[in-house]
């Protein structure tokens, strides 16, 4: 099992334990201005440690595989190329896009037009939900 999956499972376990503790009454949720706050006493530190440990493990997971590997997976559509050309072709196909919301201000980034348009649509949707929520 790779480290990213282990980190994801740790974060998921921490969140599930935190929800269970909130249901029992050990942990509590609150909202301070616009920031969610989770607090508790005693055993409520355990889910926070699991979540933190999971995030750290996921952060360091890519560095474990950073060395040059002997085996390179070549997808079937690139089998006619030699290994070096296939890796170069596969790297050039990476597209990314994202959305960061800082309060009501969206920050959109990416290198693919379609992903940027999707991010703009999601940002508009989130802003509309906030507006509708605060108008009632």
Protein backbone atom coordinates (compact mmCIF):
# COMPACT_ATOMS: atom_id res chain seq x y z
CA UNK A 1 0.00 0.00 0.00
CA UNK A 2 1.50 3.34 -0.96
CA UNK A 3 1.99 6.21 1.46
CA UNK A 4 -0.65 8.43 -0.10
CA UNK A 5 -3.35 5.83 0.58
CA UNK A 6 -2.10 5.38 4.14
CA UNK A 7 -2.29 9.15 4.69
CA UNK A 8 -5.77 9.30 3.18
CA UNK A 9 -6.94 6.49 5.45
CA UNK A 10 -5.49 8.26 8.50
CA UNK A 11 -7.30 11.49 7.61
CA UNK A 12 -10.56 9.63 6.96
CA UNK A 13 -10.26 7.72 10.24
CA UNK A 14 -9.60 10.97 12.11
CA UNK A 15 -12.66 12.63 10.57
CA UNK A 16 -14.90 9.64 11.33
CA UNK A 17 -13.67 9.45 14.93
CA UNK A 18 -14.21 13.20 15.30
CA UNK A 19 -17.79 12.90 14.02
CA UNK A 20 -18.40 9.99 16.40
CA UNK A 21 -17.00 11.99 19.33
CA UNK A 22 -19.21 14.94 18.41
CA UNK A 23 -22.23 12.63 18.35
CA UNK A 24 -21.35 11.33 21.82
CA UNK A 25 -20.66 14.83 23.16
CA UNK A 26 -16.89 14.67 23.69
CA UNK A 27 -16.02 17.06 20.83
CA UNK A 28 -17.91 20.23 19.91
CA UNK A 29 -18.22 22.31 16.75
CA UNK A 30 -18.60 26.08 16.56
CA UNK A 31 -18.28 28.92 14.08
CA UNK A 32 -16.02 31.87 14.88
CA UNK A 33 -16.80 34.66 12.41
CA UNK A 34 -16.41 32.56 9.23
CA UNK A 35 -13.93 29.98 10.55
CA UNK A 36 -15.08 26.55 11.72
CA UNK A 37 -13.76 25.66 15.18
CA UNK A 38 -13.61 22.20 16.72
CA UNK A 39 -12.84 21.86 20.40
CA UNK A 40 -13.04 19.29 23.14
CA UNK A 41 -11.18 17.82 26.06
CA UNK A 42 -9.51 14.58 26.99
CA UNK A 43 -9.56 12.01 24.19
CA UNK A 44 -10.60 14.52 21.52
CA UNK A 45 -6.92 15.10 20.72
CA UNK A 46 -6.73 11.66 19.04
CA UNK A 47 -8.65 12.55 15.84
CA UNK A 48 -6.66 15.76 15.48
CA UNK A 49 -3.41 13.80 15.73
CA UNK A 50 -4.65 11.25 13.17
CA UNK A 51 -5.65 13.99 10.72
CA UNK A 52 -2.36 15.84 11.20
CA UNK A 53 -0.31 12.65 10.81
CA UNK A 54 -2.28 11.73 7.67
CA UNK A 55 -1.62 15.13 6.10
CA UNK A 56 2.11 14.86 6.89
CA UNK A 57 2.28 11.34 5.41
CA UNK A 58 0.45 12.48 2.24
CA UNK A 59 2.80 15.47 1.95
CA UNK A 60 5.93 13.31 2.05
CA UNK A 61 4.53 10.48 -0.12
CA UNK A 62 5.77 11.87 -3.49
CA UNK A 63 9.33 12.25 -2.18
CA UNK A 64 9.60 8.52 -1.56
CA UNK A 65 9.29 7.80 -5.28
CA UNK A 66 11.38 10.72 -6.56
CA UNK A 67 14.32 8.57 -7.73
CA UNK A 68 14.67 7.33 -11.29
CA UNK A 69 12.85 4.06 -11.66
CA UNK A 70 13.96 1.25 -13.93
CA UNK A 71 10.38 0.44 -14.94
CA UNK A 72 8.31 3.01 -16.77
CA UNK A 73 4.66 2.38 -17.55
CA UNK A 74 3.93 3.10 -21.19
CA UNK A 75 0.23 3.36 -22.06
CA UNK A 76 -0.94 1.31 -25.06
CA UNK A 77 -1.43 4.36 -27.27
CA UNK A 78 2.30 5.16 -26.98
CA UNK A 79 3.67 1.65 -27.52
CA UNK A 80 4.90 2.50 -31.02
CA UNK A 81 7.24 5.15 -29.57
CA UNK A 82 10.47 4.44 -27.78
CA UNK A 83 10.46 4.85 -24.01
CA UNK A 84 11.97 8.34 -23.95
CA UNK A 85 9.51 9.80 -26.47
CA UNK A 86 6.57 8.16 -24.69
CA UNK A 87 7.51 9.66 -21.35
CA UNK A 88 8.01 13.10 -22.94
CA UNK A 89 4.65 12.86 -24.74
CA UNK A 90 2.84 11.75 -21.60
CA UNK A 91 4.35 14.62 -19.56
CA UNK A 92 3.23 17.20 -22.11
CA UNK A 93 -0.42 16.15 -21.71
CA UNK A 94 -0.78 17.25 -18.09
CA UNK A 95 -3.48 19.83 -17.54
CA UNK A 96 -4.35 21.50 -14.30
CA UNK A 97 -6.77 24.04 -12.96
CA UNK A 98 -7.98 25.11 -9.57
CA UNK A 99 -10.00 27.44 -7.44
CA UNK A 100 -9.09 29.03 -4.12
CA UNK A 101 -11.78 30.94 -2.27
CA UNK A 102 -10.54 33.52 0.22
CA UNK A 103 -13.79 34.68 1.72
CA UNK A 104 -15.90 35.89 -1.19
CA UNK A 105 -12.90 36.43 -3.47
CA UNK A 106 -12.14 33.62 -5.94
CA UNK A 107 -8.60 32.96 -7.16
CA UNK A 108 -8.63 30.83 -10.30
CA UNK A 109 -5.57 29.28 -11.92
CA UNK A 110 -4.73 26.66 -14.51
CA UNK A 111 -3.29 25.90 -17.92
CA UNK A 112 -6.37 24.43 -19.58
CA UNK A 113 -9.24 26.62 -20.77
CA UNK A 114 -11.92 24.03 -20.05
CA UNK A 115 -10.70 23.56 -16.47
CA UNK A 116 -10.59 27.32 -15.96
CA UNK A 117 -14.18 27.66 -17.22
CA UNK A 118 -15.26 24.88 -14.87
CA UNK A 119 -13.48 26.66 -11.99
CA UNK A 120 -15.24 29.92 -12.87
CA UNK A 121 -18.61 28.15 -12.89
CA UNK A 122 -17.90 26.53 -9.51
CA UNK A 123 -16.80 29.90 -8.08
CA UNK A 124 -19.99 31.58 -9.29
CA UNK A 125 -22.05 28.75 -7.83
CA UNK A 126 -20.31 29.01 -4.44
CA UNK A 127 -20.76 32.79 -4.36
CA UNK A 128 -24.47 32.43 -5.22
CA UNK A 129 -24.92 29.86 -2.44
CA UNK A 130 -23.28 32.24 0.04
CA UNK A 131 -25.44 35.15 -1.13
CA UNK A 132 -28.65 33.13 -0.94
CA UNK A 133 -27.71 31.78 2.47
CA UNK A 134 -27.02 35.21 3.96
CA UNK A 135 -30.06 36.90 2.38
CA UNK A 136 -32.62 34.75 4.16
